[in-house]
Amino acid sequence: METKQCLECGDPVKGRIDKKFCSDYCRNAYNNKVNKDSKNLIRNINNRLRKNHKILVQLNHSGKTKVSRAKLYDKGFDFQLFTSIYKTKTGNTYFYVYDEGYLALENELYLLIKRES
């Protein structure tokens, strides 16, 4: 009978015939290496979304306020990243970062709103 070797460390694997790793540590280490690139992409996007959300929360104390585009940019807001879009019957397009939204107004102004739960 041939003994299988752990895909991570090469030690012999004991147990079920379809087992690939000698321990949970080796299984996790192997999968972390395999998924590193996609996890980094997701982590980076989530961090940028979290930053956008934090900026909107900081600037919108009352639940509804107006701010300039420059103020959002100065704080590092990324207009390319949002979690959802809501179009009203009147044709307005709100962009949301989770529960915090914004609507482009005239003269480089934005209306910030908090979505009611």
PDB file of N, CA and C in Angstrom:
ATOM      1  N   MET A   1       0.836  -1.196   0.000  1.00  0.00           N
ATOM      2  CA  MET A   1       0.000   0.000   0.000  1.00  0.00           C
ATOM      3  C   MET A   1       0.877   1.255   0.000  1.00  0.00           C
ATOM      4  N   GLU A   2       0.560   2.185  -0.861  1.00  0.00           N
ATOM      5  CA  GLU A   2       1.335   3.416  -1.010  1.00  0.00           C
ATOM      6  C   GLU A   2       0.856   4.451   0.003  1.00  0.00           C
ATOM      7  N   THR A   3       1.785   5.090   0.738  1.00  0.00           N
ATOM      8  CA  THR A   3       1.390   6.128   1.694  1.00  0.00           C
ATOM      9  C   THR A   3       1.379   7.470   0.962  1.00  0.00           C
ATOM     10  N   LYS A   4       0.317   8.227   1.220  1.00  0.00           N
ATOM     11  CA  LYS A   4       0.195   9.547   0.606  1.00  0.00           C
ATOM     12  C   LYS A   4       1.014  10.547   1.401  1.00  0.00           C
ATOM     13  N   GLN A   5       1.467  11.588   0.706  1.00  0.00           N
ATOM     14  CA  GLN A   5       2.234  12.647   1.354  1.00  0.00           C
ATOM     15  C   GLN A   5       1.391  13.919   1.413  1.00  0.00           C
ATOM     16  N   CYS A   6       1.572  14.679   2.488  1.00  0.00           N
ATOM     17  CA  CYS A   6       0.895  15.960   2.682  1.00  0.00           C
ATOM     18  C   CYS A   6       1.275  16.911   1.548  1.00  0.00           C
ATOM     19  N   LEU A   7       0.282  17.552   0.953  1.00  0.00           N
ATOM     20  CA  LEU A   7       0.545  18.485  -0.148  1.00  0.00           C
ATOM     21  C   LEU A   7       1.343  19.705   0.294  1.00  0.00           C
ATOM     22  N   GLU A   8       1.310  20.025   1.578  1.00  0.00           N
ATOM     23  CA  GLU A   8       2.009  21.205   2.082  1.00  0.00           C
ATOM     24  C   GLU A   8       3.421  20.883   2.541  1.00  0.00           C
ATOM     25  N   CYS A   9       3.576  19.907   3.444  1.00  0.00           N
ATOM     26  CA  CYS A   9       4.894  19.682   4.059  1.00  0.00           C
ATOM     27  C   CYS A   9       5.571  18.389   3.605  1.00  0.00           C
ATOM     28  N   GLY A  10       4.834  17.488   2.972  1.00  0.00           N
ATOM     29  CA  GLY A  10       5.429  16.243   2.486  1.00  0.00           C
ATOM     30  C   GLY A  10       5.441  15.106   3.488  1.00  0.00           C
ATOM     31  N   ASP A  11       4.995  15.337   4.712  1.00  0.00           N
ATOM     32  CA  ASP A  11       4.919  14.264   5.712  1.00  0.00           C
ATOM     33  C   ASP A  11       3.872  13.245   5.300  1.00  0.00           C
ATOM     34  N   PRO A  12       3.993  12.008   5.814  1.00  0.00           N
ATOM     35  CA  PRO A  12       2.975  10.994   5.500  1.00  0.00           C
ATOM     36  C   PRO A  12       1.600  11.400   6.042  1.00  0.00           C
ATOM     37  N   VAL A  13       0.563  11.084   5.275  1.00  0.00           N
ATOM     38  CA  VAL A  13      -0.811  11.400   5.662  1.00  0.00           C
ATOM     39  C   VAL A  13      -1.473  10.117   6.148  1.00  0.00           C
ATOM     40  N   LYS A  14      -2.036  10.183   7.356  1.00  0.00           N
ATOM     41  CA  LYS A  14      -2.730   9.030   7.935  1.00  0.00           C
ATOM     42  C   LYS A  14      -4.218   9.342   8.012  1.00  0.00           C
ATOM     43  N   GLY A  15      -5.050   8.323   7.839  1.00  0.00           N
ATOM     44  CA  GLY A  15      -6.485   8.529   7.962  1.00  0.00           C
ATOM     45  C   GLY A  15      -7.215   8.130   6.698  1.00  0.00           C
ATOM     46  N   ARG A  16      -8.245   8.857   6.378  1.00  0.00           N
ATOM     47  CA  ARG A  16      -9.085   8.528   5.227  1.00  0.00           C
ATOM     48  C   ARG A  16      -8.278   8.455   3.937  1.00  0.00           C
ATOM     49  N   ILE A  17      -8.758   7.682   3.021  1.00  0.00           N
ATOM     50  CA  ILE A  17      -8.049   7.461   1.753  1.00  0.00           C
ATOM     51  C   ILE A  17      -7.970   8.738   0.903  1.00  0.00           C
ATOM     52  N   ASP A  18      -8.957   9.632   1.053  1.00  0.00           N
ATOM     53  CA  ASP A  18      -8.972  10.858   0.239  1.00  0.00           C
ATOM     54  C   ASP A  18      -8.354  12.065   0.949  1.00  0.00           C
ATOM     55  N   LYS A  19      -7.754  11.823   2.105  1.00  0.00           N
ATOM     56  CA  LYS A  19      -7.139  12.910   2.884  1.00  0.00           C
ATOM     57  C   LYS A  19      -5.888  13.427   2.156  1.00  0.00           C
ATOM     58  N   LYS A  20      -5.694  14.755   2.140  1.00  0.00           N
ATOM     59  CA  LYS A  20      -4.581  15.355   1.393  1.00  0.00           C
ATOM     60  C   LYS A  20      -3.533  16.029   2.287  1.00  0.00           C
ATOM     61  N   PHE A  21      -3.886  16.276   3.542  1.00  0.00           N
ATOM     62  CA  PHE A  21      -3.000  17.027   4.434  1.00  0.00           C
ATOM     63  C   PHE A  21      -2.837  16.279   5.748  1.00  0.00           C
ATOM     64  N   CYS A  22      -1.690  16.503   6.385  1.00  0.00           N
ATOM     65  CA  CYS A  22      -1.418  15.811   7.651  1.00  0.00           C
ATOM     66  C   CYS A  22      -2.064  16.518   8.838  1.00  0.00           C
ATOM     67  N   SER A  23      -2.413  17.802   8.670  1.00  0.00           N
ATOM     68  CA  SER A  23      -2.989  18.561   9.789  1.00  0.00           C
ATOM     69  C   SER A  23      -3.813  19.730   9.263  1.00  0.00           C
ATOM     70  N   ASP A  24      -4.602  20.314  10.175  1.00  0.00           N
ATOM     71  CA  ASP A  24      -5.361  21.513   9.813  1.00  0.00           C
ATOM     72  C   ASP A  24      -4.423  22.666   9.470  1.00  0.00           C
ATOM     73  N   TYR A  25      -3.296  22.757  10.175  1.00  0.00           N
ATOM     74  CA  TYR A  25      -2.322  23.816   9.913  1.00  0.00           C
ATOM     75  C   TYR A  25      -1.847  23.747   8.458  1.00  0.00           C
ATOM     76  N   CYS A  26      -1.463  22.530   8.005  1.00  0.00           N
ATOM     77  CA  CYS A  26      -0.973  22.376   6.631  1.00  0.00           C
ATOM     78  C   CYS A  26      -2.080  22.648   5.610  1.00  0.00           C
ATOM     79  N   ARG A  27      -3.304  22.218   5.898  1.00  0.00           N
ATOM     80  CA  ARG A  27      -4.435  22.471   4.996  1.00  0.00           C
ATOM     81  C   ARG A  27      -4.659  23.973   4.843  1.00  0.00           C
ATOM     82  N   ASN A  28      -4.654  24.693   5.977  1.00  0.00           N
ATOM     83  CA  ASN A  28      -4.850  26.146   5.926  1.00  0.00           C
ATOM     84  C   ASN A  28      -3.699  26.854   5.226  1.00  0.00           C
ATOM     85  N   ALA A  29      -2.472  26.459   5.525  1.00  0.00           N
ATOM     86  CA  ALA A  29      -1.304  27.088   4.902  1.00  0.00           C
ATOM     87  C   ALA A  29      -1.331  26.887   3.385  1.00  0.00           C
ATOM     88  N   TYR A  30      -1.661  25.681   2.953  1.00  0.00           N
ATOM     89  CA  TYR A  30      -1.731  25.383   1.522  1.00  0.00           C
ATOM     90  C   TYR A  30      -2.814  26.223   0.841  1.00  0.00           C
ATOM     91  N   ASN A  31      -4.009  26.234   1.411  1.00  0.00           N
ATOM     92  CA  ASN A  31      -5.113  26.993   0.803  1.00  0.00           C
ATOM     93  C   ASN A  31      -4.860  28.493   0.818  1.00  0.00           C
ATOM     94  N   ASN A  32      -4.192  28.998   1.853  1.00  0.00           N
ATOM     95  CA  ASN A  32      -3.838  30.425   1.882  1.00  0.00           C
ATOM     96  C   ASN A  32      -2.876  30.779   0.751  1.00  0.00           C
ATOM     97  N   LYS A  33      -1.929  29.899   0.467  1.00  0.00           N
ATOM     98  CA  LYS A  33      -0.997  30.138  -0.637  1.00  0.00           C
ATOM     99  C   LYS A  33      -1.722  30.108  -1.975  1.00  0.00           C
ATOM    100  N   VAL A  34      -2.595  29.122  -2.165  1.00  0.00           N
ATOM    101  CA  VAL A  34      -3.314  28.965  -3.426  1.00  0.00           C
ATOM    102  C   VAL A  34      -4.226  30.156  -3.691  1.00  0.00           C
ATOM    103  N   ASN A  35      -4.896  30.657  -2.651  1.00  0.00           N
ATOM    104  CA  ASN A  35      -5.889  31.722  -2.821  1.00  0.00           C
ATOM    105  C   ASN A  35      -5.348  33.121  -2.557  1.00  0.00           C
ATOM    106  N   LYS A  36      -4.050  33.262  -2.384  1.00  0.00           N
ATOM    107  CA  LYS A  36      -3.458  34.536  -1.980  1.00  0.00           C
ATOM    108  C   LYS A  36      -3.821  35.695  -2.908  1.00  0.00           C
ATOM    109  N   ASP A  37      -3.701  35.506  -4.221  1.00  0.00           N
ATOM    110  CA  ASP A  37      -3.951  36.599  -5.164  1.00  0.00           C
ATOM    111  C   ASP A  37      -5.395  37.067  -5.132  1.00  0.00           C
ATOM    112  N   SER A  38      -6.336  36.143  -5.192  1.00  0.00           N
ATOM    113  CA  SER A  38      -7.743  36.549  -5.197  1.00  0.00           C
ATOM    114  C   SER A  38      -8.140  37.144  -3.843  1.00  0.00           C
ATOM    115  N   LYS A  39      -7.588  36.628  -2.765  1.00  0.00           N
ATOM    116  CA  LYS A  39      -7.902  37.184  -1.449  1.00  0.00           C
ATOM    117  C   LYS A  39      -7.358  38.601  -1.309  1.00  0.00           C
ATOM    118  N   ASN A  40      -6.182  38.859  -1.870  1.00  0.00           N
ATOM    119  CA  ASN A  40      -5.619  40.213  -1.809  1.00  0.00           C
ATOM    120  C   ASN A  40      -6.488  41.197  -2.578  1.00  0.00           C
ATOM    121  N   LEU A  41      -6.974  40.806  -3.746  1.00  0.00           N
ATOM    122  CA  LEU A  41      -7.845  41.672  -4.536  1.00  0.00           C
ATOM    123  C   LEU A  41      -9.101  42.010  -3.736  1.00  0.00           C
ATOM    124  N   ILE A  42      -9.738  40.998  -3.181  1.00  0.00           N
ATOM    125  CA  ILE A  42     -10.964  41.199  -2.398  1.00  0.00           C
ATOM    126  C   ILE A  42     -10.682  42.054  -1.171  1.00  0.00           C
ATOM    127  N   ARG A  43      -9.589  41.771  -0.489  1.00  0.00           N
ATOM    128  CA  ARG A  43      -9.233  42.539   0.707  1.00  0.00           C
ATOM    129  C   ARG A  43      -9.010  44.009   0.365  1.00  0.00           C
ATOM    130  N   ASN A  44      -8.313  44.272  -0.737  1.00  0.00           N
ATOM    131  CA  ASN A  44      -8.041  45.657  -1.139  1.00  0.00           C
ATOM    132  C   ASN A  44      -9.320  46.401  -1.501  1.00  0.00           C
ATOM    133  N   ILE A  45     -10.217  45.750  -2.233  1.00  0.00           N
ATOM    134  CA  ILE A  45     -11.485  46.389  -2.590  1.00  0.00           C
ATOM    135  C   ILE A  45     -12.312  46.650  -1.339  1.00  0.00           C
ATOM    136  N   ASN A  46     -12.384  45.669  -0.446  1.00  0.00           N
ATOM    137  CA  ASN A  46     -13.140  45.862   0.794  1.00  0.00           C
ATOM    138  C   ASN A  46     -12.572  47.002   1.632  1.00  0.00           C
ATOM    139  N   ASN A  47     -11.259  47.117   1.673  1.00  0.00           N
ATOM    140  CA  ASN A  47     -10.642  48.219   2.418  1.00  0.00           C
ATOM    141  C   ASN A  47     -11.004  49.572   1.810  1.00  0.00           C
ATOM    142  N   ARG A  48     -11.027  49.651   0.478  1.00  0.00           N
ATOM    143  CA  ARG A  48     -11.378  50.907  -0.181  1.00  0.00           C
ATOM    144  C   ARG A  48     -12.856  51.235   0.011  1.00  0.00           C
ATOM    145  N   LEU A  49     -13.725  50.219  -0.017  1.00  0.00           N
ATOM    146  CA  LEU A  49     -15.150  50.436   0.262  1.00  0.00           C
ATOM    147  C   LEU A  49     -15.346  50.917   1.696  1.00  0.00           C
ATOM    148  N   ARG A  50     -14.610  50.304   2.619  1.00  0.00           N
ATOM    149  CA  ARG A  50     -14.698  50.699   4.031  1.00  0.00           C
ATOM    150  C   ARG A  50     -14.262  52.155   4.204  1.00  0.00           C
ATOM    151  N   LYS A  51     -13.215  52.556   3.472  1.00  0.00           N
ATOM    152  CA  LYS A  51     -12.749  53.952   3.535  1.00  0.00           C
ATOM    153  C   LYS A  51     -13.818  54.904   2.992  1.00  0.00           C
ATOM    154  N   ASN A  52     -14.428  54.558   1.855  1.00  0.00           N
ATOM    155  CA  ASN A  52     -15.506  55.381   1.300  1.00  0.00           C
ATOM    156  C   ASN A  52     -16.649  55.516   2.300  1.00  0.00           C
ATOM    157  N   HIS A  53     -17.041  54.419   2.922  1.00  0.00           N
ATOM    158  CA  HIS A  53     -18.141  54.434   3.893  1.00  0.00           C
ATOM    159  C   HIS A  53     -17.790  55.346   5.070  1.00  0.00           C
ATOM    160  N   LYS A  54     -16.574  55.221   5.557  1.00  0.00           N
ATOM    161  CA  LYS A  54     -16.122  56.036   6.697  1.00  0.00           C
ATOM    162  C   LYS A  54     -16.178  57.525   6.354  1.00  0.00           C
ATOM    163  N   ILE A  55     -15.767  57.888   5.141  1.00  0.00           N
ATOM    164  CA  ILE A  55     -15.802  59.290   4.703  1.00  0.00           C
ATOM    165  C   ILE A  55     -17.236  59.800   4.669  1.00  0.00           C
ATOM    166  N   LEU A  56     -18.143  59.013   4.106  1.00  0.00           N
ATOM    167  CA  LEU A  56     -19.546  59.424   4.037  1.00  0.00           C
ATOM    168  C   LEU A  56     -20.145  59.591   5.433  1.00  0.00           C
ATOM    169  N   VAL A  57     -19.817  58.689   6.345  1.00  0.00           N
ATOM    170  CA  VAL A  57     -20.322  58.785   7.722  1.00  0.00           C
ATOM    171  C   VAL A  57     -19.782  60.048   8.394  1.00  0.00           C
ATOM    172  N   GLN A  58     -18.487  60.334   8.210  1.00  0.00           N
ATOM    173  CA  GLN A  58     -17.871  61.518   8.822  1.00  0.00           C
ATOM    174  C   GLN A  58     -18.521  62.812   8.345  1.00  0.00           C
ATOM    175  N   LEU A  59     -18.851  62.871   7.061  1.00  0.00           N
ATOM    176  CA  LEU A  59     -19.377  64.104   6.490  1.00  0.00           C
ATOM    177  C   LEU A  59     -20.893  64.248   6.642  1.00  0.00           C
ATOM    178  N   ASN A  60     -21.572  63.162   6.943  1.00  0.00           N
ATOM    179  CA  ASN A  60     -23.030  63.181   7.002  1.00  0.00           C
ATOM    180  C   ASN A  60     -23.519  62.920   8.430  1.00  0.00           C
ATOM    181  N   HIS A  61     -23.401  63.917   9.289  1.00  0.00           N
ATOM    182  CA  HIS A  61     -23.780  63.767  10.696  1.00  0.00           C
ATOM    183  C   HIS A  61     -25.286  63.673  10.877  1.00  0.00           C
ATOM    184  N   SER A  62     -26.028  64.410  10.084  1.00  0.00           N
ATOM    185  CA  SER A  62     -27.463  64.550  10.307  1.00  0.00           C
ATOM    186  C   SER A  62     -28.313  63.525   9.560  1.00  0.00           C
ATOM    187  N   GLY A  63     -27.709  62.744   8.669  1.00  0.00           N
ATOM    188  CA  GLY A  63     -28.487  61.805   7.882  1.00  0.00           C
ATOM    189  C   GLY A  63     -28.823  62.340   6.502  1.00  0.00           C
ATOM    190  N   LYS A  64     -28.644  63.667   6.313  1.00  0.00           N
ATOM    191  CA  LYS A  64     -28.892  64.297   5.008  1.00  0.00           C
ATOM    192  C   LYS A  64     -28.141  65.621   4.989  1.00  0.00           C
ATOM    193  N   THR A  65     -27.167  65.741   4.104  1.00  0.00           N
ATOM    194  CA  THR A  65     -26.365  66.958   4.043  1.00  0.00           C
ATOM    195  C   THR A  65     -25.785  67.133   2.640  1.00  0.00           C
ATOM    196  N   LYS A  66     -25.294  68.333   2.334  1.00  0.00           N
ATOM    197  CA  LYS A  66     -24.649  68.625   1.055  1.00  0.00           C
ATOM    198  C   LYS A  66     -23.162  68.887   1.284  1.00  0.00           C
ATOM    199  N   VAL A  67     -22.337  68.347   0.393  1.00  0.00           N
ATOM    200  CA  VAL A  67     -20.891  68.597   0.437  1.00  0.00           C
ATOM    201  C   VAL A  67     -20.385  68.793  -0.991  1.00  0.00           C
ATOM    202  N   SER A  68     -19.220  69.416  -1.079  1.00  0.00           N
ATOM    203  CA  SER A  68     -18.619  69.636  -2.401  1.00  0.00           C
ATOM    204  C   SER A  68     -17.837  68.393  -2.838  1.00  0.00           C
ATOM    205  N   ARG A  69     -17.706  68.266  -4.147  1.00  0.00           N
ATOM    206  CA  ARG A  69     -16.909  67.169  -4.714  1.00  0.00           C
ATOM    207  C   ARG A  69     -15.466  67.267  -4.213  1.00  0.00           C
ATOM    208  N   ALA A  70     -14.952  68.484  -4.119  1.00  0.00           N
ATOM    209  CA  ALA A  70     -13.575  68.693  -3.671  1.00  0.00           C
ATOM    210  C   ALA A  70     -13.360  68.151  -2.261  1.00  0.00           C
ATOM    211  N   LYS A  71     -14.344  68.362  -1.389  1.00  0.00           N
ATOM    212  CA  LYS A  71     -14.228  67.887  -0.008  1.00  0.00           C
ATOM    213  C   LYS A  71     -14.147  66.352   0.031  1.00  0.00           C
ATOM    214  N   LEU A  72     -14.962  65.706  -0.797  1.00  0.00           N
ATOM    215  CA  LEU A  72     -14.912  64.238  -0.878  1.00  0.00           C
ATOM    216  C   LEU A  72     -13.558  63.774  -1.410  1.00  0.00           C
ATOM    217  N   TYR A  73     -13.092  64.402  -2.484  1.00  0.00           N
ATOM    218  CA  TYR A  73     -11.785  64.064  -3.058  1.00  0.00           C
ATOM    219  C   TYR A  73     -10.661  64.278  -2.056  1.00  0.00           C
ATOM    220  N   ASP A  74     -10.681  65.406  -1.356  1.00  0.00           N
ATOM    221  CA  ASP A  74      -9.623  65.720  -0.392  1.00  0.00           C
ATOM    222  C   ASP A  74      -9.505  64.656   0.694  1.00  0.00           C
ATOM    223  N   LYS A  75     -10.620  64.046   1.046  1.00  0.00           N
ATOM    224  CA  LYS A  75     -10.604  63.002   2.071  1.00  0.00           C
ATOM    225  C   LYS A  75     -10.230  61.638   1.494  1.00  0.00           C
ATOM    226  N   GLY A  76     -10.098  61.563   0.161  1.00  0.00           N
ATOM    227  CA  GLY A  76      -9.689  60.310  -0.483  1.00  0.00           C
ATOM    228  C   GLY A  76     -10.838  59.457  -0.985  1.00  0.00           C
ATOM    229  N   PHE A  77     -12.010  60.050  -1.166  1.00  0.00           N
ATOM    230  CA  PHE A  77     -13.169  59.301  -1.633  1.00  0.00           C
ATOM    231  C   PHE A  77     -12.938  58.808  -3.057  1.00  0.00           C
ATOM    232  N   ASP A  78     -13.295  57.545  -3.323  1.00  0.00           N
ATOM    233  CA  ASP A  78     -13.140  56.930  -4.641  1.00  0.00           C
ATOM    234  C   ASP A  78     -14.525  56.761  -5.263  1.00  0.00           C
ATOM    235  N   PHE A  79     -14.842  57.595  -6.249  1.00  0.00           N
ATOM    236  CA  PHE A  79     -16.163  57.579  -6.879  1.00  0.00           C
ATOM    237  C   PHE A  79     -16.389  56.323  -7.722  1.00  0.00           C
ATOM    238  N   GLN A  80     -15.353  55.553  -7.981  1.00  0.00           N
ATOM    239  CA  GLN A  80     -15.483  54.332  -8.783  1.00  0.00           C
ATOM    240  C   GLN A  80     -16.018  53.156  -7.965  1.00  0.00           C
ATOM    241  N   LEU A  81     -15.972  53.271  -6.638  1.00  0.00           N
ATOM    242  CA  LEU A  81     -16.353  52.142  -5.784  1.00  0.00           C
ATOM    243  C   LEU A  81     -17.608  52.433  -4.978  1.00  0.00           C
ATOM    244  N   PHE A  82     -18.614  51.617  -5.185  1.00  0.00           N
ATOM    245  CA  PHE A  82     -19.862  51.703  -4.428  1.00  0.00           C
ATOM    246  C   PHE A  82     -20.480  50.313  -4.442  1.00  0.00           C
ATOM    247  N   THR A  83     -21.469  50.082  -3.577  1.00  0.00           N
ATOM    248  CA  THR A  83     -22.044  48.741  -3.464  1.00  0.00           C
ATOM    249  C   THR A  83     -23.368  48.590  -4.197  1.00  0.00           C
ATOM    250  N   SER A  84     -24.089  49.690  -4.426  1.00  0.00           N
ATOM    251  CA  SER A  84     -25.356  49.589  -5.155  1.00  0.00           C
ATOM    252  C   SER A  84     -25.757  50.936  -5.740  1.00  0.00           C
ATOM    253  N   ILE A  85     -26.694  50.867  -6.688  1.00  0.00           N
ATOM    254  CA  ILE A  85     -27.230  52.051  -7.349  1.00  0.00           C
ATOM    255  C   ILE A  85     -28.745  52.006  -7.201  1.00  0.00           C
ATOM    256  N   TYR A  86     -29.329  53.179  -6.937  1.00  0.00           N
ATOM    257  CA  TYR A  86     -30.787  53.279  -6.849  1.00  0.00           C
ATOM    258  C   TYR A  86     -31.244  54.410  -7.759  1.00  0.00           C
ATOM    259  N   LYS A  87     -32.113  54.092  -8.708  1.00  0.00           N
ATOM    260  CA  LYS A  87     -32.666  55.118  -9.611  1.00  0.00           C
ATOM    261  C   LYS A  87     -34.097  55.413  -9.197  1.00  0.00           C
ATOM    262  N   THR A  88     -34.385  56.698  -9.023  1.00  0.00           N
ATOM    263  CA  THR A  88     -35.735  57.107  -8.633  1.00  0.00           C
ATOM    264  C   THR A  88     -36.627  57.222  -9.859  1.00  0.00           C
ATOM    265  N   LYS A  89     -37.922  57.334  -9.622  1.00  0.00           N
ATOM    266  CA  LYS A  89     -38.880  57.499 -10.721  1.00  0.00           C
ATOM    267  C   LYS A  89     -38.641  58.799 -11.476  1.00  0.00           C
ATOM    268  N   THR A  90     -38.065  59.798 -10.777  1.00  0.00           N
ATOM    269  CA  THR A  90     -37.808  61.093 -11.419  1.00  0.00           C
ATOM    270  C   THR A  90     -36.481  61.106 -12.190  1.00  0.00           C
ATOM    271  N   GLY A  91     -35.744  59.989 -12.159  1.00  0.00           N
ATOM    272  CA  GLY A  91     -34.511  59.890 -12.933  1.00  0.00           C
ATOM    273  C   GLY A  91     -33.238  60.182 -12.168  1.00  0.00           C
ATOM    274  N   ASN A  92     -33.330  60.452 -10.873  1.00  0.00           N
ATOM    275  CA  ASN A  92     -32.123  60.670 -10.072  1.00  0.00           C
ATOM    276  C   ASN A  92     -31.438  59.336  -9.796  1.00  0.00           C
ATOM    277  N   THR A  93     -30.105  59.344  -9.805  1.00  0.00           N
ATOM    278  CA  THR A  93     -29.339  58.132  -9.540  1.00  0.00           C
ATOM    279  C   THR A  93     -28.535  58.310  -8.253  1.00  0.00           C
ATOM    280  N   TYR A  94     -28.885  57.520  -7.247  1.00  0.00           N
ATOM    281  CA  TYR A  94     -28.168  57.508  -5.979  1.00  0.00           C
ATOM    282  C   TYR A  94     -27.168  56.355  -5.997  1.00  0.00           C
ATOM    283  N   PHE A  95     -25.963  56.636  -5.536  1.00  0.00           N
ATOM    284  CA  PHE A  95     -24.939  55.604  -5.386  1.00  0.00           C
ATOM    285  C   PHE A  95     -24.788  55.335  -3.899  1.00  0.00           C
ATOM    286  N   TYR A  96     -24.741  54.067  -3.541  1.00  0.00           N
ATOM    287  CA  TYR A  96     -24.637  53.689  -2.130  1.00  0.00           C
ATOM    288  C   TYR A  96     -23.348  52.934  -1.848  1.00  0.00           C
ATOM    289  N   VAL A  97     -22.787  53.219  -0.687  1.00  0.00           N
ATOM    290  CA  VAL A  97     -21.722  52.417  -0.104  1.00  0.00           C
ATOM    291  C   VAL A  97     -22.350  51.846   1.162  1.00  0.00           C
ATOM    292  N   TYR A  98     -22.846  50.637   1.032  1.00  0.00           N
ATOM    293  CA  TYR A  98     -23.649  49.986   2.071  1.00  0.00           C
ATOM    294  C   TYR A  98     -24.887  50.834   2.369  1.00  0.00           C
ATOM    295  N   ASP A  99     -24.971  51.462   3.534  1.00  0.00           N
ATOM    296  CA  ASP A  99     -26.171  52.227   3.897  1.00  0.00           C
ATOM    297  C   ASP A  99     -26.019  53.733   3.695  1.00  0.00           C
ATOM    298  N   GLU A 100     -24.859  54.167   3.250  1.00  0.00           N
ATOM    299  CA  GLU A 100     -24.601  55.595   3.036  1.00  0.00           C
ATOM    300  C   GLU A 100     -24.631  55.881   1.534  1.00  0.00           C
ATOM    301  N   GLY A 101     -25.451  56.869   1.127  1.00  0.00           N
ATOM    302  CA  GLY A 101     -25.596  57.163  -0.278  1.00  0.00           C
ATOM    303  C   GLY A 101     -25.234  58.590  -0.640  1.00  0.00           C
ATOM    304  N   TYR A 102     -25.059  58.814  -1.940  1.00  0.00           N
ATOM    305  CA  TYR A 102     -24.802  60.162  -2.425  1.00  0.00           C
ATOM    306  C   TYR A 102     -25.438  60.351  -3.797  1.00  0.00           C
ATOM    307  N   LEU A 103     -25.813  61.588  -4.059  1.00  0.00           N
ATOM    308  CA  LEU A 103     -26.454  61.976  -5.307  1.00  0.00           C
ATOM    309  C   LEU A 103     -25.740  63.210  -5.834  1.00  0.00           C
ATOM    310  N   ALA A 104     -25.325  63.173  -7.096  1.00  0.00           N
ATOM    311  CA  ALA A 104     -24.678  64.334  -7.708  1.00  0.00           C
ATOM    312  C   ALA A 104     -25.719  65.423  -7.957  1.00  0.00           C
ATOM    313  N   LEU A 105     -25.410  66.629  -7.507  1.00  0.00           N
ATOM    314  CA  LEU A 105     -26.261  67.794  -7.717  1.00  0.00           C
ATOM    315  C   LEU A 105     -25.546  68.746  -8.668  1.00  0.00           C
ATOM    316  N   GLU A 106     -26.086  69.924  -8.852  1.00  0.00           N
ATOM    317  CA  GLU A 106     -25.445  70.935  -9.694  1.00  0.00           C
ATOM    318  C   GLU A 106     -24.262  71.556  -8.955  1.00  0.00           C
ATOM    319  N   ASN A 107     -23.379  72.199  -9.734  1.00  0.00           N
ATOM    320  CA  ASN A 107     -22.248  72.970  -9.189  1.00  0.00           C
ATOM    321  C   ASN A 107     -21.302  72.136  -8.336  1.00  0.00           C
ATOM    322  N   GLU A 108     -21.034  70.897  -8.789  1.00  0.00           N
ATOM    323  CA  GLU A 108     -20.062  70.039  -8.094  1.00  0.00           C
ATOM    324  C   GLU A 108     -20.443  69.752  -6.635  1.00  0.00           C
ATOM    325  N   LEU A 109     -21.722  69.776  -6.345  1.00  0.00           N
ATOM    326  CA  LEU A 109     -22.203  69.449  -5.002  1.00  0.00           C
ATOM    327  C   LEU A 109     -22.799  68.045  -4.988  1.00  0.00           C
ATOM    328  N   TYR A 110     -22.757  67.427  -3.827  1.00  0.00           N
ATOM    329  CA  TYR A 110     -23.337  66.101  -3.628  1.00  0.00           C
ATOM    330  C   TYR A 110     -24.249  66.125  -2.416  1.00  0.00           C
ATOM    331  N   LEU A 111     -25.389  65.463  -2.558  1.00  0.00           N
ATOM    332  CA  LEU A 111     -26.293  65.263  -1.438  1.00  0.00           C
ATOM    333  C   LEU A 111     -25.941  63.918  -0.827  1.00  0.00           C
ATOM    334  N   LEU A 112     -25.586  63.935   0.464  1.00  0.00           N
ATOM    335  CA  LEU A 112     -25.286  62.694   1.182  1.00  0.00           C
ATOM    336  C   LEU A 112     -26.510  62.305   1.978  1.00  0.00           C
ATOM    337  N   ILE A 113     -26.879  61.035   1.900  1.00  0.00           N
ATOM    338  CA  ILE A 113     -28.037  60.545   2.652  1.00  0.00           C
ATOM    339  C   ILE A 113     -27.727  59.203   3.290  1.00  0.00           C
ATOM    340  N   LYS A 114     -28.440  58.919   4.357  1.00  0.00           N
ATOM    341  CA  LYS A 114     -28.323  57.610   4.993  1.00  0.00           C
ATOM    342  C   LYS A 114     -29.600  56.839   4.682  1.00  0.00           C
ATOM    343  N   ARG A 115     -29.430  55.614   4.201  1.00  0.00           N
ATOM    344  CA  ARG A 115     -30.587  54.778   3.857  1.00  0.00           C
ATOM    345  C   ARG A 115     -31.295  54.350   5.139  1.00  0.00           C
ATOM    346  N   GLU A 116     -32.597  54.499   5.130  1.00  0.00           N
ATOM    347  CA  GLU A 116     -33.404  54.067   6.284  1.00  0.00           C
ATOM    348  C   GLU A 116     -33.497  52.552   6.256  1.00  0.00           C
ATOM    349  N   SER A 117     -33.363  51.939   7.425  1.00  0.00           N
ATOM    350  CA  SER A 117     -33.386  50.475   7.472  1.00  0.00           C
ATOM    351  C   SER A 117     -34.780  49.899   7.550  1.00  0.00           C
TER     352      SER A 117
END
